[in-house]
Amino acid sequence: MKIIMTEIRQTKKVGTQTVWINKEQFVEEISDNQYRNITERDTLQWFRRLGGSESATKKYTQAGYKIVQLISTSPDKTNRTLRYFRFDD
């Protein structure tokens, strides 16, 4: 099974609180081990302890009940990374 990750890096628009501007976008195929390292519970808790925020969305996929969207916001709330996961045969 292939795991395709789309990663979008955003910065907050100057003078606003909720408007984000896309800076970079990457699409790559990742291994199952890489997926587990990115979405593992310990990794999410570690990032939260640093002061950032993590939001994970789970859905039923071909591979089971998996995280399909991960939003990571930096501790200073000016940068965030959106990761979308797609599971293909």
Protein backbone atom coordinates (compact mmCIF):
# COMPACT_ATOMS: atom_id res chain seq x y z
CA MET A 1 0.00 0.00 0.00
CA LYS A 2 1.30 3.45 -0.95
CA ILE A 3 0.98 6.43 1.38
CA ILE A 4 0.97 9.80 -0.38
CA MET A 5 1.63 12.81 1.87
CA THR A 6 0.81 16.36 0.78
CA GLU A 7 2.53 18.92 2.99
CA ILE A 8 1.59 22.61 2.87
CA ARG A 9 3.57 25.19 4.84
CA GLN A 10 1.80 28.42 5.69
CA THR A 11 2.55 31.72 7.43
CA LYS A 12 0.10 34.09 9.02
CA LYS A 13 -0.74 37.21 7.00
CA VAL A 14 0.61 40.34 8.70
CA GLY A 15 -2.03 42.26 10.63
CA THR A 16 -4.55 39.39 10.76
CA GLN A 17 -5.33 36.64 13.22
CA THR A 18 -6.96 33.97 11.04
CA VAL A 19 -5.69 34.43 7.47
CA TRP A 20 -2.94 32.06 6.33
CA ILE A 21 -0.78 32.37 3.18
CA ASN A 22 0.61 29.24 1.46
CA LYS A 23 4.40 29.39 1.13
CA GLU A 24 5.40 25.89 0.00
CA GLN A 25 3.69 22.69 -1.05
CA PHE A 26 5.24 19.22 -1.34
CA VAL A 27 3.80 15.90 -2.46
CA GLU A 28 5.75 12.74 -1.74
CA GLU A 29 5.33 9.04 -1.19
CA ILE A 30 6.29 7.96 2.31
CA SER A 31 6.82 4.58 3.91
CA ASP A 32 4.65 3.06 6.61
CA ASN A 33 7.46 3.63 9.12
CA GLN A 34 7.65 7.35 8.25
CA TYR A 35 3.86 7.65 8.62
CA ARG A 36 4.01 6.07 12.09
CA ASN A 37 6.83 8.41 13.16
CA ILE A 38 4.87 11.49 12.02
CA THR A 39 1.52 10.50 13.52
CA GLU A 40 2.63 8.62 16.64
CA ARG A 41 0.96 9.75 19.87
CA ASP A 42 4.30 10.41 21.62
CA THR A 43 5.38 12.71 18.78
CA LEU A 44 2.16 14.73 18.98
CA GLN A 45 2.42 15.06 22.78
CA TRP A 46 6.09 16.11 22.56
CA PHE A 47 5.22 18.92 20.14
CA ARG A 48 2.39 20.09 22.42
CA ARG A 49 4.78 20.21 25.39
CA LEU A 50 6.97 22.62 23.42
CA GLY A 51 4.02 25.03 23.24
CA GLY A 52 2.77 24.31 19.74
CA SER A 53 -0.58 22.82 18.86
CA GLU A 54 -1.41 19.63 17.01
CA SER A 55 -4.75 18.68 15.54
CA ALA A 56 -5.25 15.22 14.04
CA THR A 57 -8.28 14.10 12.04
CA LYS A 58 -8.97 10.37 11.72
CA LYS A 59 -11.20 8.69 9.15
CA TYR A 60 -11.84 5.21 7.83
CA THR A 61 -9.59 4.46 4.86
CA GLN A 62 -8.64 1.40 2.81
CA ALA A 63 -5.89 0.82 5.39
CA GLY A 64 -8.24 1.11 8.39
CA TYR A 65 -9.03 3.91 10.84
CA LYS A 66 -6.06 6.22 10.25
CA ILE A 67 -5.03 9.85 10.62
CA VAL A 68 -5.71 11.55 7.28
CA GLN A 69 -5.06 15.19 8.25
CA LEU A 70 -2.52 16.66 10.67
CA ILE A 71 -2.29 20.39 11.43
CA SER A 72 0.80 21.57 13.34
CA THR A 73 1.03 25.17 14.56
CA SER A 74 4.29 26.64 15.86
CA PRO A 75 4.54 27.88 19.46
CA ASP A 76 4.60 31.53 18.35
CA LYS A 77 1.42 30.95 16.27
CA THR A 78 2.89 32.49 13.09
CA ASN A 79 3.64 29.31 11.09
CA ARG A 80 1.74 26.11 10.54
CA THR A 81 2.09 22.94 8.52
CA LEU A 82 -0.82 21.00 7.05
CA ARG A 83 -0.22 17.34 6.23
CA TYR A 84 -2.77 15.30 4.28
CA PHE A 85 -2.36 11.53 3.91
CA ARG A 86 -3.86 9.43 1.12
CA PHE A 87 -3.74 5.63 1.07
CA ASP A 88 -3.59 3.97 -2.37
CA ASP A 89 -3.26 0.35 -3.49
